[in-house]
Protein backbone atom coordinates (compact mmCIF):
# COMPACT_ATOMS: atom_id res chain seq x y z
CA UNK A 1 85.15 28.98 87.80
CA UNK A 2 88.39 28.69 86.58
CA UNK A 3 89.41 32.17 84.90
CA UNK A 4 89.84 32.36 81.05
CA UNK A 5 93.06 31.69 79.49
CA UNK A 6 94.24 34.39 77.32
CA UNK A 7 95.28 32.93 73.48
CA UNK A 8 98.84 33.53 72.43
CA UNK A 9 99.51 35.01 68.93
CA UNK A 10 99.67 31.39 67.41
CA UNK A 11 96.83 30.42 68.49
CA UNK A 12 94.78 33.66 67.41
CA UNK A 13 96.20 32.71 64.45
CA UNK A 14 95.07 29.02 64.30
CA UNK A 15 91.18 29.67 65.72
CA UNK A 16 91.33 32.49 62.61
CA UNK A 17 92.32 30.00 60.25
CA UNK A 18 89.50 27.21 61.79
CA UNK A 19 86.88 29.81 61.51
CA UNK A 20 87.98 30.40 57.86
CA UNK A 21 88.00 26.64 57.14
CA UNK A 22 84.58 26.62 58.57
CA UNK A 23 82.82 29.47 56.73
CA UNK A 24 84.18 27.54 53.20
CA UNK A 25 82.47 24.06 54.02
CA UNK A 26 79.55 26.29 54.54
CA UNK A 27 78.95 27.08 50.92
CA UNK A 28 76.37 27.18 48.69
CA UNK A 29 76.32 25.62 45.00
CA UNK A 30 74.14 26.39 42.71
CA UNK A 31 74.00 24.60 39.01
CA UNK A 32 74.16 26.40 35.63
CA UNK A 33 70.14 26.23 35.34
CA UNK A 34 69.62 27.38 38.76
CA UNK A 35 71.65 30.81 37.49
CA UNK A 36 70.44 33.76 35.05
CA UNK A 37 73.08 35.55 33.42
CA UNK A 38 75.85 37.82 35.11
CA UNK A 39 74.99 41.35 35.38
CA UNK A 40 77.00 44.29 37.48
CA UNK A 41 76.58 45.37 41.05
CA UNK A 42 78.43 47.32 43.57
CA UNK A 43 79.67 45.68 46.69
CA UNK A 44 76.89 47.77 49.44
CA UNK A 45 79.11 45.77 52.41
CA UNK A 46 80.54 42.62 53.32
CA UNK A 47 79.57 40.21 55.89
CA UNK A 48 82.13 36.67 56.03
CA UNK A 49 81.48 34.60 52.70
CA UNK A 50 78.41 36.96 51.78
CA UNK A 51 78.16 40.46 50.77
CA UNK A 52 74.87 42.94 49.69
CA UNK A 53 74.72 43.77 46.40
CA UNK A 54 72.89 46.86 44.44
CA UNK A 55 71.50 45.66 41.22
CA UNK A 56 71.62 48.07 37.76
CA UNK A 57 68.14 48.18 38.80
CA UNK A 58 68.50 49.01 42.75
CA UNK A 59 67.63 46.59 44.46
CA UNK A 60 69.54 45.27 47.07
CA UNK A 61 70.30 41.94 47.31
CA UNK A 62 72.21 38.92 49.44
CA UNK A 63 74.76 37.12 47.92
CA UNK A 64 77.36 33.97 48.12
CA UNK A 65 81.03 35.24 47.79
CA UNK A 66 83.16 32.66 45.00
CA UNK A 67 85.88 30.96 47.19
CA UNK A 68 87.99 32.14 44.04
CA UNK A 69 87.33 34.98 44.75
CA UNK A 70 90.51 36.89 47.16
CA UNK A 71 89.61 40.07 48.10
CA UNK A 72 85.91 41.97 47.78
CA UNK A 73 85.36 45.12 50.44
CA UNK A 74 82.43 47.52 50.18
CA UNK A 75 82.32 49.82 46.46
CA UNK A 76 84.03 47.25 44.49
CA UNK A 77 81.86 46.87 41.21
CA UNK A 78 81.11 43.08 40.55
CA UNK A 79 79.67 40.61 38.10
CA UNK A 80 77.24 38.67 39.89
CA UNK A 81 74.73 36.25 38.83
CA UNK A 82 70.87 35.86 40.03
CA UNK A 83 69.88 32.77 41.46
CA UNK A 84 66.24 30.90 40.22
CA UNK A 85 66.38 29.73 43.95
CA UNK A 86 67.55 30.60 46.88
CA UNK A 87 69.58 29.18 49.09
CA UNK A 88 70.31 29.85 53.00
CA UNK A 89 69.01 33.24 52.37
CA UNK A 90 72.03 33.83 49.12
CA UNK A 91 69.43 35.18 45.74
CA UNK A 92 72.96 34.82 43.51
CA UNK A 93 76.49 34.18 43.64
CA UNK A 94 79.39 36.95 42.88
CA UNK A 95 81.56 35.43 40.33
CA UNK A 96 83.93 38.26 39.41
CA UNK A 97 85.61 41.14 40.69
CA UNK A 98 86.36 44.41 38.08
CA UNK A 99 89.36 46.11 38.65
CA UNK A 100 89.35 48.58 40.97
CA UNK A 101 89.77 52.82 40.29
CA UNK A 102 91.16 53.05 43.96
CA UNK A 103 91.26 51.09 47.17
CA UNK A 104 91.24 52.56 51.52
CA UNK A 105 93.06 50.02 53.36
CA UNK A 106 94.52 50.56 57.09
CA UNK A 107 97.38 48.52 58.27
CA UNK A 108 96.10 45.04 60.74
CA UNK A 109 98.94 44.01 63.36
CA UNK A 110 97.54 40.24 62.13
CA UNK A 111 96.53 40.47 58.75
CA UNK A 112 99.33 43.66 57.17
CA UNK A 113 97.35 46.16 54.79
CA UNK A 114 93.53 45.52 55.32
CA UNK A 115 91.38 46.39 53.01
CA UNK A 116 88.06 48.81 54.02
CA UNK A 117 86.29 50.48 50.88
CA UNK A 118 87.26 50.68 46.75
CA UNK A 119 86.58 53.16 44.01
CA UNK A 120 86.71 56.22 45.89
CA UNK A 121 87.07 59.41 44.86
CA UNK A 122 87.38 61.91 47.66
CA UNK A 123 87.55 61.01 51.58
CA UNK A 124 86.18 63.26 54.41
CA UNK A 125 88.00 63.07 56.97
CA UNK A 126 86.31 63.78 60.06
CA UNK A 127 87.42 65.80 63.52
CA UNK A 128 85.46 67.45 66.03
CA UNK A 129 85.69 69.81 69.03
CA UNK A 130 84.47 66.53 71.47
CA UNK A 131 86.29 65.08 72.64
CA UNK A 132 89.78 67.28 71.85
CA UNK A 133 90.29 68.20 68.42
CA UNK A 134 93.54 67.01 67.15
CA UNK A 135 95.80 67.92 63.95
CA UNK A 136 98.26 64.80 64.84
CA UNK A 137 94.88 62.54 64.47
CA UNK A 138 94.22 64.62 61.30
CA UNK A 139 97.85 64.53 60.11
CA UNK A 140 97.75 60.87 60.02
CA UNK A 141 94.14 60.25 58.13
CA UNK A 142 96.33 63.00 55.15
CA UNK A 143 98.97 61.00 55.33
CA UNK A 144 96.80 57.94 54.30
CA UNK A 145 95.19 59.99 51.55
CA UNK A 146 98.27 61.29 49.84
CA UNK A 147 99.50 58.19 49.78
CA UNK A 148 96.66 56.31 47.69
CA UNK A 149 96.06 59.38 45.81
CA UNK A 150 92.54 60.27 47.08
CA UNK A 151 91.88 63.79 47.90
CA UNK A 152 91.39 64.21 51.67
CA UNK A 153 88.32 67.15 52.80
CA UNK A 154 88.33 67.78 56.49
CA UNK A 155 85.18 67.98 58.56
CA UNK A 156 84.92 69.57 61.62
CA UNK A 157 82.02 68.41 63.51
CA UNK A 158 80.16 69.32 66.26
CA UNK A 159 80.53 73.53 65.67
CA UNK A 160 78.02 74.47 67.89
CA UNK A 161 80.27 73.29 71.23
CA UNK A 162 82.96 76.04 69.97
CA UNK A 163 81.22 78.40 72.86
CA UNK A 164 82.40 75.71 75.56
CA UNK A 165 86.08 76.28 74.51
CA UNK A 166 88.14 79.15 76.17
CA UNK A 167 89.50 81.78 73.83
CA UNK A 168 92.89 80.69 73.82
CA UNK A 169 91.57 77.18 72.97
CA UNK A 170 89.32 78.49 69.67
CA UNK A 171 92.03 80.93 68.40
CA UNK A 172 94.52 77.96 68.63
CA UNK A 173 91.76 75.57 66.64
CA UNK A 174 90.79 78.64 64.16
CA UNK A 175 95.27 79.03 63.26
CA UNK A 176 95.48 75.37 62.31
CA UNK A 177 92.49 74.80 60.04
CA UNK A 178 93.63 78.53 58.56
CA UNK A 179 97.10 76.15 57.95
CA UNK A 180 95.01 73.82 56.11
CA UNK A 181 93.36 75.56 53.69
CA UNK A 182 96.47 77.61 52.33
CA UNK A 183 98.05 74.15 51.63
CA UNK A 184 94.93 73.83 49.77
CA UNK A 185 92.50 71.33 51.60
CA UNK A 186 89.05 71.81 51.89
CA UNK A 187 87.84 72.44 55.55
CA UNK A 188 84.12 72.31 55.93
CA UNK A 189 82.72 73.24 59.49
CA UNK A 190 79.20 71.80 60.06
CA UNK A 191 77.46 70.46 63.20
CA UNK A 192 74.91 67.56 63.20
CA UNK A 193 73.16 68.71 65.61
CA UNK A 194 72.09 72.46 64.57
CA UNK A 195 72.68 71.08 60.84
CA UNK A 196 75.76 74.62 59.84
CA UNK A 197 77.25 73.51 57.28
CA UNK A 198 75.53 71.00 56.48
CA UNK A 199 74.37 72.23 52.60
CA UNK A 200 78.24 72.95 52.09
CA UNK A 201 78.78 69.60 53.09
CA UNK A 202 76.11 67.39 51.14
CA UNK A 203 77.35 70.40 48.01
CA UNK A 204 81.00 68.64 48.34
CA UNK A 205 79.76 64.99 48.08
CA UNK A 206 76.87 65.43 44.92
CA UNK A 207 78.43 63.00 41.87
CA UNK A 208 81.26 61.75 43.85
CA UNK A 209 81.75 58.50 45.95
CA UNK A 210 82.70 59.80 49.00
CA UNK A 211 84.02 57.92 52.61
CA UNK A 212 83.81 59.16 55.90
CA UNK A 213 87.04 58.32 58.72
CA UNK A 214 87.82 59.26 61.48
CA UNK A 215 88.03 58.68 65.12
CA UNK A 216 85.35 56.59 67.00
CA UNK A 217 82.92 59.86 68.48
CA UNK A 218 83.41 62.54 66.06
CA UNK A 219 80.28 62.41 64.64
CA UNK A 220 80.20 60.70 61.34
CA UNK A 221 77.39 58.36 61.43
CA UNK A 222 75.84 61.34 63.03
CA UNK A 223 76.11 63.31 59.57
CA UNK A 224 75.39 59.95 57.74
CA UNK A 225 71.24 60.33 59.83
CA UNK A 226 71.53 64.01 58.72
CA UNK A 227 72.54 63.85 54.98
CA UNK A 228 70.30 60.06 54.70
CA UNK A 229 67.90 60.02 57.86
CA UNK A 230 66.16 57.17 56.29
CA UNK A 231 69.56 54.96 56.99
CA UNK A 232 69.69 55.32 60.25
CA UNK A 233 73.17 54.27 60.53
CA UNK A 234 73.96 53.82 64.17
CA UNK A 235 75.39 56.37 66.97
CA UNK A 236 77.33 56.60 69.61
CA UNK A 237 77.60 59.17 72.38
CA UNK A 238 81.12 59.71 73.56
CA UNK A 239 82.13 58.09 76.97
CA UNK A 240 82.05 60.59 80.10
CA UNK A 241 84.82 58.82 81.63
CA UNK A 242 87.26 58.26 78.90
CA UNK A 243 86.02 61.09 76.27
CA UNK A 244 86.52 58.39 73.76
CA UNK A 245 83.95 57.14 71.51
CA UNK A 246 82.45 53.58 70.91
CA UNK A 247 83.09 51.42 67.66
CA UNK A 248 79.33 51.38 66.05
CA UNK A 249 79.89 50.75 62.75
CA UNK A 250 80.86 47.23 62.34
CA UNK A 251 81.30 46.95 58.39
CA UNK A 252 82.03 49.33 55.96
CA UNK A 253 78.75 50.52 54.03
CA UNK A 254 77.82 52.09 50.66
CA UNK A 255 75.10 54.61 50.63
CA UNK A 256 73.96 56.07 47.11
CA UNK A 257 72.93 59.65 47.50
CA UNK A 258 69.56 60.85 46.21
CA UNK A 259 71.40 63.48 44.33
CA UNK A 260 73.92 61.82 42.61
CA UNK A 261 77.13 59.95 43.86
CA UNK A 262 77.36 57.54 46.96
CA UNK A 263 78.58 57.86 50.62
CA UNK A 264 81.07 55.37 52.82
CA UNK A 265 80.80 54.71 55.95
CA UNK A 266 83.60 52.73 57.52
CA UNK A 267 84.06 51.63 60.48
CA UNK A 268 85.61 53.76 63.50
CA UNK A 269 89.20 53.90 64.61
CA UNK A 270 90.82 55.43 67.08
CA UNK A 271 94.37 55.79 65.81
CA UNK A 272 95.04 54.97 62.05
CA UNK A 273 98.21 53.41 61.73
CA UNK A 274 101.24 54.53 59.52
CA UNK A 275 103.59 51.33 60.18
CA UNK A 276 103.37 50.51 56.54
CA UNK A 277 105.31 53.27 55.17
CA UNK A 278 108.37 54.17 54.95
CA UNK A 279 109.65 57.36 57.05
CA UNK A 280 110.72 59.36 53.48
CA UNK A 281 107.10 58.04 52.56
CA UNK A 282 105.38 60.08 55.18
CA UNK A 283 107.43 62.54 54.55
CA UNK A 284 106.28 63.04 51.30
CA UNK A 285 102.88 62.82 52.05
CA UNK A 286 103.43 65.93 54.05
CA UNK A 287 102.15 68.50 50.66
CA UNK A 288 103.83 71.35 52.52
CA UNK A 289 107.26 69.52 53.05
CA UNK A 290 108.04 68.68 49.51
CA UNK A 291 109.66 71.46 48.26
CA UNK A 292 112.48 71.39 51.30
CA UNK A 293 112.47 67.43 50.84
CA UNK A 294 115.85 66.82 49.24
CA UNK A 295 117.70 69.31 50.11
CA UNK A 296 118.99 68.81 53.37
CA UNK A 297 123.29 68.86 53.94
CA UNK A 298 122.72 64.95 54.85
CA UNK A 299 121.13 62.35 52.78
CA UNK A 300 119.27 60.83 55.93
CA UNK A 301 118.85 64.01 57.85
CA UNK A 302 116.06 62.80 60.11
CA UNK A 303 114.95 66.57 60.45
CA UNK A 304 115.16 67.08 63.97
CA UNK A 305 118.37 68.86 65.22
CA UNK A 306 120.62 67.58 62.16
CA UNK A 307 122.86 70.40 60.97
CA UNK A 308 121.46 72.04 57.89
CA UNK A 309 118.11 70.28 58.03
CA UNK A 310 115.64 72.25 55.46
CA UNK A 311 112.80 71.93 57.56
CA UNK A 312 114.08 72.66 60.43
CA UNK A 313 115.25 76.37 58.73
CA UNK A 314 112.14 76.45 57.16
CA UNK A 315 110.69 76.20 60.88
CA UNK A 316 112.36 78.74 61.72
CA UNK A 317 112.16 81.02 59.18
CA UNK A 318 108.68 80.75 59.76
CA UNK A 319 107.61 79.17 56.43
CA UNK A 320 106.28 75.99 58.19
CA UNK A 321 104.36 76.11 61.28
CA UNK A 322 106.34 74.24 63.86
CA UNK A 323 103.24 71.90 65.07
CA UNK A 324 103.23 70.30 61.59
CA UNK A 325 106.79 68.97 61.72
CA UNK A 326 106.37 68.15 65.44
CA UNK A 327 103.32 66.06 64.34
CA UNK A 328 105.69 64.26 62.08
CA UNK A 329 107.89 63.17 64.39
CA UNK A 330 104.76 61.97 66.52
CA UNK A 331 103.58 59.86 63.79
CA UNK A 332 107.09 58.23 63.12
CA UNK A 333 107.99 57.73 66.40
CA UNK A 334 104.07 55.82 67.16
CA UNK A 335 104.87 54.09 63.54
CA UNK A 336 108.17 52.75 65.13
CA UNK A 337 106.47 51.00 68.16
CA UNK A 338 103.21 49.89 66.16
CA UNK A 339 105.03 48.53 63.45
CA UNK A 340 105.17 44.43 64.04
CA UNK A 341 107.86 42.55 64.09
CA UNK A 342 106.89 40.77 60.84
CA UNK A 343 105.13 43.74 59.32
CA UNK A 344 104.61 43.90 55.50
CA UNK A 345 106.34 47.22 54.43
CA UNK A 346 104.65 49.37 51.26
CA UNK A 347 105.55 52.16 49.36
């Protein structure tokens, strides 16, 4: 059997364009008298040209998306019309998307900024002790949250495994979390296995629309299952060989909470890219850097061994932890290697 040849970037783009064209051709049309009056709903999840919408009477219906709607994501508030006759399993059509209060996006190598979820009030950045606790990954998510003006709340999962770590590892994690708390970020320690910390997590979720983000395998879906056991979000055990989790949630999904508010479970990403941001913007998104920014000797200071660097001076004076500045430099280095040649820059 001949080996399948790998598609180049141009061929991949043409394949996606053809798929999109086929989706547009596979359309659903109703006569005006087959549609009811415009109603308001919330997008629970989206699948191509279809979306599940939570209606005002708390029913979930499968709807078709009008071709003139350019962007639609989980969490969007929409105007939709119910159909008196179903077509291809569709129970209505989305005709308008209301203005968003916020939008969480992640950079995509081919498509630029790819929207993930809308109208989020707070983002729970989930990390865990397994496969490894990484302040550098946490900082990536914090930068993304600060950039779009959504409050990040740090959740450390699998704390039931703390005793399996060395005393030195435990101290490093505790010291790191103390720094985040001193900056002003809320830190919640939980275990989806033992239930520790879940009451505090549920209180933080109450009456807010929240998103869970974090690397695959840190237990986002397991936490969802604890908060909403009837949901049964798919979970995945971390690979013993790689130490990495597999992508288990394929689309962002909006779950209403019985105590008020909602949770959005987003597809896991192993590394949250920030190549669409300028270096100055990344530095500004480090909240504890802000009082020092603009005070370096040179305007184009890279905050390394530049003479008169205010951030380096703050580290030397122990006003800033060295690992925060190290994380910043690692993010900048990664941005340069990840940024596509035709990347669209924001901010």
